[in-house]
Amino acid sequence: MRVLSLIFVAMIFAVSAIGFYRTWFTISRPAPAAGSSVVSINVAADTAKIRQDVETIRNEAAGLTGQVKESIKSDDQPTENASSTAQ
């Protein structure tokens, strides 16, 4: 159970770090009113940017898997030299 919770915390940390790096999330603090002791912190998520990055990853992964499938198909076909020596 302890290992599972550590993995969960590590995943949250990784997603947060990637999110801030890719500017999915931003933190801002507006200027406080004069004489006020209240501190406001705003956290914003750019869902359009997240969707755009996810779509880019999907397209690249599909392209890579397509290249692997084509490579496997071409490796399965016998070469001309192998078929001529078999005769």
C-alpha atoms as a PDB file:
ATOM      1  CA  MET A   1       0.000   0.000   0.000  1.00  0.00           C
ATOM      2  CA  ARG A   2       2.867   2.345   0.814  1.00  0.00           C
ATOM      3  CA  VAL A   3       4.521   1.727  -2.546  1.00  0.00           C
ATOM      4  CA  LEU A   4       1.235   2.358  -4.334  1.00  0.00           C
ATOM      5  CA  SER A   5       0.778   5.693  -2.586  1.00  0.00           C
ATOM      6  CA  LEU A   6       4.370   6.693  -3.422  1.00  0.00           C
ATOM      7  CA  ILE A   7       3.773   5.855  -7.080  1.00  0.00           C
ATOM      8  CA  PHE A   8       0.568   7.916  -7.020  1.00  0.00           C
ATOM      9  CA  VAL A   9       2.364  10.920  -5.496  1.00  0.00           C
ATOM     10  CA  ALA A  10       5.192  10.576  -8.037  1.00  0.00           C
ATOM     11  CA  MET A  11       2.673  10.539 -10.894  1.00  0.00           C
ATOM     12  CA  ILE A  12       0.958  13.658  -9.575  1.00  0.00           C
ATOM     13  CA  PHE A  13       4.320  15.385  -9.250  1.00  0.00           C
ATOM     14  CA  ALA A  14       5.330  14.357 -12.796  1.00  0.00           C
ATOM     15  CA  VAL A  15       2.059  15.554 -14.355  1.00  0.00           C
ATOM     16  CA  SER A  16       2.296  18.833 -12.445  1.00  0.00           C
ATOM     17  CA  ALA A  17       5.901  19.399 -13.517  1.00  0.00           C
ATOM     18  CA  ILE A  18       5.120  18.631 -17.157  1.00  0.00           C
ATOM     19  CA  GLY A  19       1.991  20.799 -16.961  1.00  0.00           C
ATOM     20  CA  PHE A  20       3.874  23.827 -15.682  1.00  0.00           C
ATOM     21  CA  TYR A  21       6.669  23.269 -18.203  1.00  0.00           C
ATOM     22  CA  ARG A  22       4.200  22.999 -21.105  1.00  0.00           C
ATOM     23  CA  THR A  23       2.214  25.972 -19.673  1.00  0.00           C
ATOM     24  CA  TRP A  24      -0.916  23.905 -19.109  1.00  0.00           C
ATOM     25  CA  PHE A  25      -1.141  25.400 -15.625  1.00  0.00           C
ATOM     26  CA  THR A  26      -0.311  28.887 -14.411  1.00  0.00           C
ATOM     27  CA  ILE A  27      -0.240  30.429 -10.969  1.00  0.00           C
ATOM     28  CA  SER A  28      -0.738  34.145 -10.478  1.00  0.00           C
ATOM     29  CA  ARG A  29      -1.235  36.521  -7.589  1.00  0.00           C
ATOM     30  CA  PRO A  30      -3.120  39.750  -8.188  1.00  0.00           C
ATOM     31  CA  ALA A  31      -1.968  42.883  -6.402  1.00  0.00           C
ATOM     32  CA  PRO A  32      -3.608  43.110  -2.962  1.00  0.00           C
ATOM     33  CA  ALA A  33      -5.834  46.039  -2.084  1.00  0.00           C
ATOM     34  CA  ALA A  34      -4.171  48.772  -0.067  1.00  0.00           C
ATOM     35  CA  GLY A  35      -4.212  47.922   3.633  1.00  0.00           C
ATOM     36  CA  SER A  36      -5.608  44.432   3.052  1.00  0.00           C
ATOM     37  CA  SER A  37      -4.090  41.357   4.673  1.00  0.00           C
ATOM     38  CA  VAL A  38      -5.839  38.952   2.292  1.00  0.00           C
ATOM     39  CA  VAL A  39      -3.636  37.136  -0.195  1.00  0.00           C
ATOM     40  CA  SER A  40      -5.268  35.700  -3.309  1.00  0.00           C
ATOM     41  CA  ILE A  41      -3.632  33.066  -5.466  1.00  0.00           C
ATOM     42  CA  ASN A  42      -5.128  32.047  -8.793  1.00  0.00           C
ATOM     43  CA  VAL A  43      -4.465  28.736 -10.515  1.00  0.00           C
ATOM     44  CA  ALA A  44      -5.560  28.469 -14.141  1.00  0.00           C
ATOM     45  CA  ALA A  45      -5.601  25.476 -16.480  1.00  0.00           C
ATOM     46  CA  ASP A  46      -5.411  26.010 -20.234  1.00  0.00           C
ATOM     47  CA  THR A  47      -7.577  23.127 -21.440  1.00  0.00           C
ATOM     48  CA  ALA A  48      -7.182  24.111 -25.091  1.00  0.00           C
ATOM     49  CA  LYS A  49      -3.393  23.783 -24.784  1.00  0.00           C
ATOM     50  CA  ILE A  50      -3.760  20.412 -23.031  1.00  0.00           C
ATOM     51  CA  ARG A  51      -6.052  19.107 -25.795  1.00  0.00           C
ATOM     52  CA  GLN A  52      -3.680  20.382 -28.475  1.00  0.00           C
ATOM     53  CA  ASP A  53      -0.684  18.643 -26.873  1.00  0.00           C
ATOM     54  CA  VAL A  54      -2.620  15.392 -26.377  1.00  0.00           C
ATOM     55  CA  GLU A  55      -3.704  15.428 -30.027  1.00  0.00           C
ATOM     56  CA  THR A  56      -0.101  16.035 -31.136  1.00  0.00           C
ATOM     57  CA  ILE A  57       1.084  13.082 -29.031  1.00  0.00           C
ATOM     58  CA  ARG A  58      -1.661  10.848 -30.457  1.00  0.00           C
ATOM     59  CA  ASN A  59      -0.743  11.758 -34.038  1.00  0.00           C
ATOM     60  CA  GLU A  60       2.962  11.154 -33.461  1.00  0.00           C
ATOM     61  CA  ALA A  61       2.289   7.836 -31.729  1.00  0.00           C
ATOM     62  CA  ALA A  62       0.025   6.731 -34.582  1.00  0.00           C
ATOM     63  CA  GLY A  63       2.715   7.660 -37.080  1.00  0.00           C
ATOM     64  CA  LEU A  64       5.374   5.752 -35.168  1.00  0.00           C
ATOM     65  CA  THR A  65       3.218   2.648 -34.785  1.00  0.00           C
ATOM     66  CA  GLY A  66       2.394   2.818 -38.497  1.00  0.00           C
ATOM     67  CA  GLN A  67       6.100   2.894 -39.325  1.00  0.00           C
ATOM     68  CA  VAL A  68       6.719  -0.112 -37.086  1.00  0.00           C
ATOM     69  CA  LYS A  69       3.866  -2.052 -38.695  1.00  0.00           C
ATOM     70  CA  GLU A  70       5.218  -1.285 -42.181  1.00  0.00           C
ATOM     71  CA  SER A  71       8.707  -2.321 -41.084  1.00  0.00           C
ATOM     72  CA  ILE A  72       7.396  -5.623 -39.754  1.00  0.00           C
ATOM     73  CA  LYS A  73       5.468  -6.274 -42.976  1.00  0.00           C
ATOM     74  CA  SER A  74       8.540  -5.577 -45.100  1.00  0.00           C
ATOM     75  CA  ASP A  75      10.672  -7.853 -42.906  1.00  0.00           C
ATOM     76  CA  ASP A  76       8.207 -10.734 -43.332  1.00  0.00           C
ATOM     77  CA  GLN A  77       8.425 -10.678 -47.133  1.00  0.00           C
ATOM     78  CA  PRO A  78      11.151 -12.875 -48.592  1.00  0.00           C
ATOM     79  CA  THR A  79      13.845 -11.147 -50.609  1.00  0.00           C
ATOM     80  CA  GLU A  80      14.452 -11.966 -54.286  1.00  0.00           C
ATOM     81  CA  ASN A  81      17.778 -13.615 -53.505  1.00  0.00           C
ATOM     82  CA  ALA A  82      16.199 -15.988 -51.018  1.00  0.00           C
ATOM     83  CA  SER A  83      13.453 -17.051 -53.440  1.00  0.00           C
ATOM     84  CA  SER A  84      15.888 -17.597 -56.363  1.00  0.00           C
ATOM     85  CA  THR A  85      18.191 -19.825 -54.271  1.00  0.00           C
ATOM     86  CA  ALA A  86      15.263 -21.924 -53.099  1.00  0.00           C
ATOM     87  CA  GLN A  87      14.471 -23.043 -56.675  1.00  0.00           C
END
